[in-house]
Amino acid sequence: MALQIKKEKYIDPVCGMKVISGKAAAKTNYQGVQIYFCTTTCKSSFDADPKRFMQNRRKSFWNRYLDRLNKATGGKPPSCCS
């Protein structure tokens, strides 16, 4: 029986490419999160300014909703909550 290796796919935060963890050109650990890169160039860009690339991560549905709500109301709570 052959040993089956689980292939986990990740997104390179710099260029957006899908990366398989076992075939990643580079990886790093940022604030406890393992991040994989398609090339060492992407890793160098990330290392230069990691906050920039971590802020661009896809937001959840709830966070996108709250962003739209804050933009529409100017950050003020609804009148029912005042």
C-alpha atoms as a PDB file:
ATOM      1  CA  MET A   1       0.000   0.000   0.000  1.00  0.00           C
ATOM      2  CA  ALA A   2       1.413   3.395  -0.994  1.00  0.00           C
ATOM      3  CA  LEU A   3       1.614   6.256   1.437  1.00  0.00           C
ATOM      4  CA  GLN A   4      -0.673   9.077   0.357  1.00  0.00           C
ATOM      5  CA  ILE A   5       0.667  12.571   0.954  1.00  0.00           C
ATOM      6  CA  LYS A   6      -1.892  15.294   1.571  1.00  0.00           C
ATOM      7  CA  LYS A   7      -1.345  18.259  -0.767  1.00  0.00           C
ATOM      8  CA  GLU A   8      -2.455  21.465   0.853  1.00  0.00           C
ATOM      9  CA  LYS A   9      -2.982  24.501  -1.377  1.00  0.00           C
ATOM     10  CA  TYR A  10      -2.270  28.028  -0.219  1.00  0.00           C
ATOM     11  CA  ILE A  11      -2.379  31.461  -1.847  1.00  0.00           C
ATOM     12  CA  ASP A  12       0.827  33.457  -2.243  1.00  0.00           C
ATOM     13  CA  PRO A  13      -0.109  36.807  -0.609  1.00  0.00           C
ATOM     14  CA  VAL A  14       2.170  38.786  -2.946  1.00  0.00           C
ATOM     15  CA  CYS A  15       1.074  37.629  -6.407  1.00  0.00           C
ATOM     16  CA  GLY A  16      -2.089  35.630  -5.639  1.00  0.00           C
ATOM     17  CA  MET A  17      -0.878  32.347  -7.191  1.00  0.00           C
ATOM     18  CA  LYS A  18      -1.964  29.010  -5.744  1.00  0.00           C
ATOM     19  CA  VAL A  19       0.938  27.223  -4.058  1.00  0.00           C
ATOM     20  CA  ILE A  20       1.134  23.593  -2.933  1.00  0.00           C
ATOM     21  CA  SER A  21       2.908  23.465   0.416  1.00  0.00           C
ATOM     22  CA  GLY A  22       5.263  20.650  -0.632  1.00  0.00           C
ATOM     23  CA  LYS A  23       6.323  22.453  -3.812  1.00  0.00           C
ATOM     24  CA  ALA A  24       6.647  25.996  -2.450  1.00  0.00           C
ATOM     25  CA  ALA A  25       9.839  27.830  -3.437  1.00  0.00           C
ATOM     26  CA  ALA A  26       9.963  29.577  -0.055  1.00  0.00           C
ATOM     27  CA  LYS A  27       8.011  29.820   3.178  1.00  0.00           C
ATOM     28  CA  THR A  28       7.963  31.959   6.282  1.00  0.00           C
ATOM     29  CA  ASN A  29       6.158  32.207   9.583  1.00  0.00           C
ATOM     30  CA  TYR A  30       4.432  35.538  10.223  1.00  0.00           C
ATOM     31  CA  GLN A  31       2.714  36.053  13.590  1.00  0.00           C
ATOM     32  CA  GLY A  32       2.165  32.311  13.974  1.00  0.00           C
ATOM     33  CA  VAL A  33       0.807  31.819  10.436  1.00  0.00           C
ATOM     34  CA  GLN A  34       2.772  29.683   7.977  1.00  0.00           C
ATOM     35  CA  ILE A  35       2.927  31.433   4.584  1.00  0.00           C
ATOM     36  CA  TYR A  36       4.078  29.812   1.332  1.00  0.00           C
ATOM     37  CA  PHE A  37       5.466  31.596  -1.744  1.00  0.00           C
ATOM     38  CA  CYS A  38       5.728  30.612  -5.408  1.00  0.00           C
ATOM     39  CA  THR A  39       9.180  32.232  -5.786  1.00  0.00           C
ATOM     40  CA  THR A  40      11.894  33.655  -3.593  1.00  0.00           C
ATOM     41  CA  THR A  41      11.208  37.052  -5.185  1.00  0.00           C
ATOM     42  CA  CYS A  42       7.684  37.049  -3.707  1.00  0.00           C
ATOM     43  CA  LYS A  43       9.142  36.128  -0.310  1.00  0.00           C
ATOM     44  CA  SER A  44      11.622  39.027  -0.537  1.00  0.00           C
ATOM     45  CA  SER A  45       8.786  41.442  -1.358  1.00  0.00           C
ATOM     46  CA  PHE A  46       6.765  40.097   1.579  1.00  0.00           C
ATOM     47  CA  ASP A  47       9.721  40.351   3.979  1.00  0.00           C
ATOM     48  CA  ALA A  48      10.237  44.007   3.008  1.00  0.00           C
ATOM     49  CA  ASP A  49       6.674  45.003   4.051  1.00  0.00           C
ATOM     50  CA  PRO A  50       4.605  42.112   5.482  1.00  0.00           C
ATOM     51  CA  LYS A  51       1.807  44.311   6.873  1.00  0.00           C
ATOM     52  CA  ARG A  52       0.997  45.569   3.376  1.00  0.00           C
ATOM     53  CA  PHE A  53       0.386  42.073   2.056  1.00  0.00           C
ATOM     54  CA  MET A  54      -1.428  40.764   5.134  1.00  0.00           C
ATOM     55  CA  GLN A  55      -3.933  43.653   4.985  1.00  0.00           C
ATOM     56  CA  ASN A  56      -4.864  42.694   1.433  1.00  0.00           C
ATOM     57  CA  ARG A  57      -6.018  39.238   2.490  1.00  0.00           C
ATOM     58  CA  ARG A  58      -9.597  38.408   1.566  1.00  0.00           C
ATOM     59  CA  LYS A  59     -12.041  39.523   4.213  1.00  0.00           C
ATOM     60  CA  SER A  60     -14.863  37.372   5.457  1.00  0.00           C
ATOM     61  CA  PHE A  61     -18.460  38.129   4.544  1.00  0.00           C
ATOM     62  CA  TRP A  62     -19.095  39.639   7.976  1.00  0.00           C
ATOM     63  CA  ASN A  63     -16.066  41.953   7.832  1.00  0.00           C
ATOM     64  CA  ARG A  64     -17.033  43.163   4.349  1.00  0.00           C
ATOM     65  CA  TYR A  65     -20.590  43.834   5.645  1.00  0.00           C
ATOM     66  CA  LEU A  66     -19.268  45.820   8.613  1.00  0.00           C
ATOM     67  CA  ASP A  67     -16.984  47.847   6.342  1.00  0.00           C
ATOM     68  CA  ARG A  68     -19.942  48.772   4.104  1.00  0.00           C
ATOM     69  CA  LEU A  69     -22.112  49.586   7.119  1.00  0.00           C
ATOM     70  CA  ASN A  70     -19.454  51.853   8.633  1.00  0.00           C
ATOM     71  CA  LYS A  71     -18.961  53.593   5.303  1.00  0.00           C
ATOM     72  CA  ALA A  72     -22.723  54.144   4.856  1.00  0.00           C
ATOM     73  CA  THR A  73     -23.321  55.434   8.389  1.00  0.00           C
ATOM     74  CA  GLY A  74     -20.052  57.279   8.846  1.00  0.00           C
ATOM     75  CA  GLY A  75     -19.194  54.910  11.700  1.00  0.00           C
ATOM     76  CA  LYS A  76     -22.199  56.000  13.787  1.00  0.00           C
ATOM     77  CA  PRO A  77     -24.431  53.355  15.378  1.00  0.00           C
ATOM     78  CA  PRO A  78     -28.007  53.016  14.113  1.00  0.00           C
ATOM     79  CA  SER A  79     -30.632  55.224  15.795  1.00  0.00           C
ATOM     80  CA  CYS A  80     -32.143  52.193  17.546  1.00  0.00           C
ATOM     81  CA  CYS A  81     -28.862  51.628  19.413  1.00  0.00           C
ATOM     82  CA  SER A  82     -28.366  55.220  20.617  1.00  0.00           C
END
